[in-house]
Amino acid sequence: MAYRDNWGGKTGSGGVASEDVQNVARRARLRELTMEVVDLKKDPYFMRNHLGSYECKLCLTLHSNEGNYLAHTQGRRHQANLARRAAREQKY
C-alpha cells in the first residue's frame, strides 16, 4: 500500500490538508467576509464590462471576479493611484 499520497495523516482519515488547500479556503473565507462589508455599488472605480469581467477605472485593470477586484483595491498599485489622485485633487 502506498502511503506517500497521505503523508502525515492516519490511514483512512483523509490526510492533513496541504498548505495550498488551506490557502484556498482562507482566501474564500476572506472574500466572503469582504463581500459582506464592502458595497461595490458605492465604489466609484468599480465597473462591470460587457464581457462579464470587472474593471478598475482608476488603474485600468481587468479582474475575473469580484474577489480579485477587492484584493486589487487593497494592493500597492491601487493605493498608490488613490494617493496620486487625492494629491492632484488637492492642488485644484
C-alpha atoms as a PDB file:
ATOM      1  CA  MET A   1       0.000   0.000   0.000  1.00  0.00           C
ATOM      2  CA  ALA A   2       1.406   3.424  -0.943  1.00  0.00           C
ATOM      3  CA  TYR A   3       1.291   5.930   1.884  1.00  0.00           C
ATOM      4  CA  ARG A   4       3.167   8.663   0.027  1.00  0.00           C
ATOM      5  CA  ASP A   5      -0.071  10.372  -1.062  1.00  0.00           C
ATOM      6  CA  ASN A   6      -1.326  10.541   2.514  1.00  0.00           C
ATOM      7  CA  TRP A   7       1.850  11.612   4.253  1.00  0.00           C
ATOM      8  CA  GLY A   8       1.331  12.916   7.774  1.00  0.00           C
ATOM      9  CA  GLY A   9      -2.172  11.541   8.202  1.00  0.00           C
ATOM     10  CA  LYS A  10      -3.577   8.371   9.640  1.00  0.00           C
ATOM     11  CA  THR A  11      -4.728   5.695   7.258  1.00  0.00           C
ATOM     12  CA  GLY A  12      -8.352   6.288   6.341  1.00  0.00           C
ATOM     13  CA  SER A  13      -8.517   9.766   7.864  1.00  0.00           C
ATOM     14  CA  GLY A  14      -8.257  11.642   4.580  1.00  0.00           C
ATOM     15  CA  GLY A  15      -4.878  13.115   5.398  1.00  0.00           C
ATOM     16  CA  VAL A  16      -3.783  16.509   6.569  1.00  0.00           C
ATOM     17  CA  ALA A  17      -4.809  19.483   4.430  1.00  0.00           C
ATOM     18  CA  SER A  18      -1.884  20.832   2.449  1.00  0.00           C
ATOM     19  CA  GLU A  19      -0.864  24.479   2.601  1.00  0.00           C
ATOM     20  CA  ASP A  20      -2.379  25.070  -0.844  1.00  0.00           C
ATOM     21  CA  VAL A  21      -5.759  23.753   0.242  1.00  0.00           C
ATOM     22  CA  GLN A  22      -5.611  25.843   3.414  1.00  0.00           C
ATOM     23  CA  ASN A  23      -4.697  28.974   1.433  1.00  0.00           C
ATOM     24  CA  VAL A  24      -7.573  28.463  -0.995  1.00  0.00           C
ATOM     25  CA  ALA A  25     -10.020  28.008   1.891  1.00  0.00           C
ATOM     26  CA  ARG A  26      -8.632  31.079   3.690  1.00  0.00           C
ATOM     27  CA  ARG A  27      -8.949  33.235   0.573  1.00  0.00           C
ATOM     28  CA  ALA A  28     -12.540  32.072   0.077  1.00  0.00           C
ATOM     29  CA  ARG A  29     -13.428  32.953   3.682  1.00  0.00           C
ATOM     30  CA  LEU A  30     -11.788  36.383   3.390  1.00  0.00           C
ATOM     31  CA  ARG A  31     -13.581  37.044   0.091  1.00  0.00           C
ATOM     32  CA  GLU A  32     -16.942  36.195   1.677  1.00  0.00           C
ATOM     33  CA  LEU A  33     -16.253  38.427   4.688  1.00  0.00           C
ATOM     34  CA  THR A  34     -15.149  41.306   2.490  1.00  0.00           C
ATOM     35  CA  MET A  35     -18.227  40.990   0.279  1.00  0.00           C
ATOM     36  CA  GLU A  36     -20.388  41.359   3.398  1.00  0.00           C
ATOM     37  CA  VAL A  37     -18.564  44.519   4.494  1.00  0.00           C
ATOM     38  CA  VAL A  38     -17.794  46.317   1.211  1.00  0.00           C
ATOM     39  CA  ASP A  39     -20.575  47.615  -1.040  1.00  0.00           C
ATOM     40  CA  LEU A  40     -19.234  47.618  -4.592  1.00  0.00           C
ATOM     41  CA  LYS A  41     -22.192  49.685  -5.805  1.00  0.00           C
ATOM     42  CA  LYS A  42     -20.735  52.682  -3.953  1.00  0.00           C
ATOM     43  CA  ASP A  43     -17.202  52.230  -5.329  1.00  0.00           C
ATOM     44  CA  PRO A  44     -16.681  54.946  -7.989  1.00  0.00           C
ATOM     45  CA  TYR A  45     -13.904  52.994  -9.740  1.00  0.00           C
ATOM     46  CA  PHE A  46     -15.701  49.627  -9.987  1.00  0.00           C
ATOM     47  CA  MET A  47     -17.274  48.732 -13.314  1.00  0.00           C
ATOM     48  CA  ARG A  48     -18.549  45.512 -14.846  1.00  0.00           C
ATOM     49  CA  ASN A  49     -17.823  45.416 -18.563  1.00  0.00           C
ATOM     50  CA  HIS A  50     -19.800  43.805 -21.387  1.00  0.00           C
ATOM     51  CA  LEU A  51     -17.703  40.618 -21.210  1.00  0.00           C
ATOM     52  CA  GLY A  52     -18.722  39.935 -17.619  1.00  0.00           C
ATOM     53  CA  SER A  53     -15.367  40.737 -16.074  1.00  0.00           C
ATOM     54  CA  TYR A  54     -14.713  43.554 -13.642  1.00  0.00           C
ATOM     55  CA  GLU A  55     -12.692  46.664 -14.300  1.00  0.00           C
ATOM     56  CA  CYS A  56     -10.939  49.218 -12.109  1.00  0.00           C
ATOM     57  CA  LYS A  57     -11.420  52.571 -13.840  1.00  0.00           C
ATOM     58  CA  LEU A  58      -8.685  54.159 -11.738  1.00  0.00           C
ATOM     59  CA  CYS A  59      -5.920  51.682 -12.602  1.00  0.00           C
ATOM     60  CA  LEU A  60      -7.345  50.404 -15.912  1.00  0.00           C
ATOM     61  CA  THR A  61      -7.064  46.784 -14.806  1.00  0.00           C
ATOM     62  CA  LEU A  62      -9.353  43.819 -15.564  1.00  0.00           C
ATOM     63  CA  HIS A  63     -10.390  41.255 -12.948  1.00  0.00           C
ATOM     64  CA  SER A  64     -12.160  37.949 -13.462  1.00  0.00           C
ATOM     65  CA  ASN A  65     -14.302  38.130 -10.316  1.00  0.00           C
ATOM     66  CA  GLU A  66     -15.275  40.486  -7.506  1.00  0.00           C
ATOM     67  CA  GLY A  67     -12.866  38.853  -5.078  1.00  0.00           C
ATOM     68  CA  ASN A  68      -9.916  39.608  -7.325  1.00  0.00           C
ATOM     69  CA  TYR A  69     -11.086  43.202  -7.667  1.00  0.00           C
ATOM     70  CA  LEU A  70     -11.347  43.547  -3.887  1.00  0.00           C
ATOM     71  CA  ALA A  71      -7.854  42.117  -3.487  1.00  0.00           C
ATOM     72  CA  HIS A  72      -6.655  44.636  -6.072  1.00  0.00           C
ATOM     73  CA  THR A  73      -8.164  47.534  -4.094  1.00  0.00           C
ATOM     74  CA  GLN A  74      -6.012  46.541  -1.112  1.00  0.00           C
ATOM     75  CA  GLY A  75      -2.891  46.296  -3.245  1.00  0.00           C
ATOM     76  CA  ARG A  76       0.065  48.606  -3.676  1.00  0.00           C
ATOM     77  CA  ARG A  77      -0.755  49.789  -7.207  1.00  0.00           C
ATOM     78  CA  HIS A  78      -4.344  50.800  -6.450  1.00  0.00           C
ATOM     79  CA  GLN A  79      -3.362  52.512  -3.193  1.00  0.00           C
ATOM     80  CA  ALA A  80      -0.613  54.464  -4.989  1.00  0.00           C
ATOM     81  CA  ASN A  81      -3.083  55.567  -7.678  1.00  0.00           C
ATOM     82  CA  LEU A  82      -5.568  56.672  -4.998  1.00  0.00           C
ATOM     83  CA  ALA A  83      -2.883  58.738  -3.283  1.00  0.00           C
ATOM     84  CA  ARG A  84      -1.839  60.269  -6.612  1.00  0.00           C
ATOM     85  CA  ARG A  85      -5.469  61.132  -7.426  1.00  0.00           C
ATOM     86  CA  ALA A  86      -6.019  62.707  -3.966  1.00  0.00           C
ATOM     87  CA  ALA A  87      -2.830  64.792  -4.278  1.00  0.00           C
ATOM     88  CA  ARG A  88      -3.890  66.018  -7.718  1.00  0.00           C
ATOM     89  CA  GLU A  89      -7.371  66.946  -6.499  1.00  0.00           C
ATOM     90  CA  GLN A  90      -5.937  68.917  -3.571  1.00  0.00           C
ATOM     91  CA  LYS A  91      -3.957  71.109  -5.992  1.00  0.00           C
ATOM     92  CA  TYR A  92      -7.130  72.279  -7.692  1.00  0.00           C
END
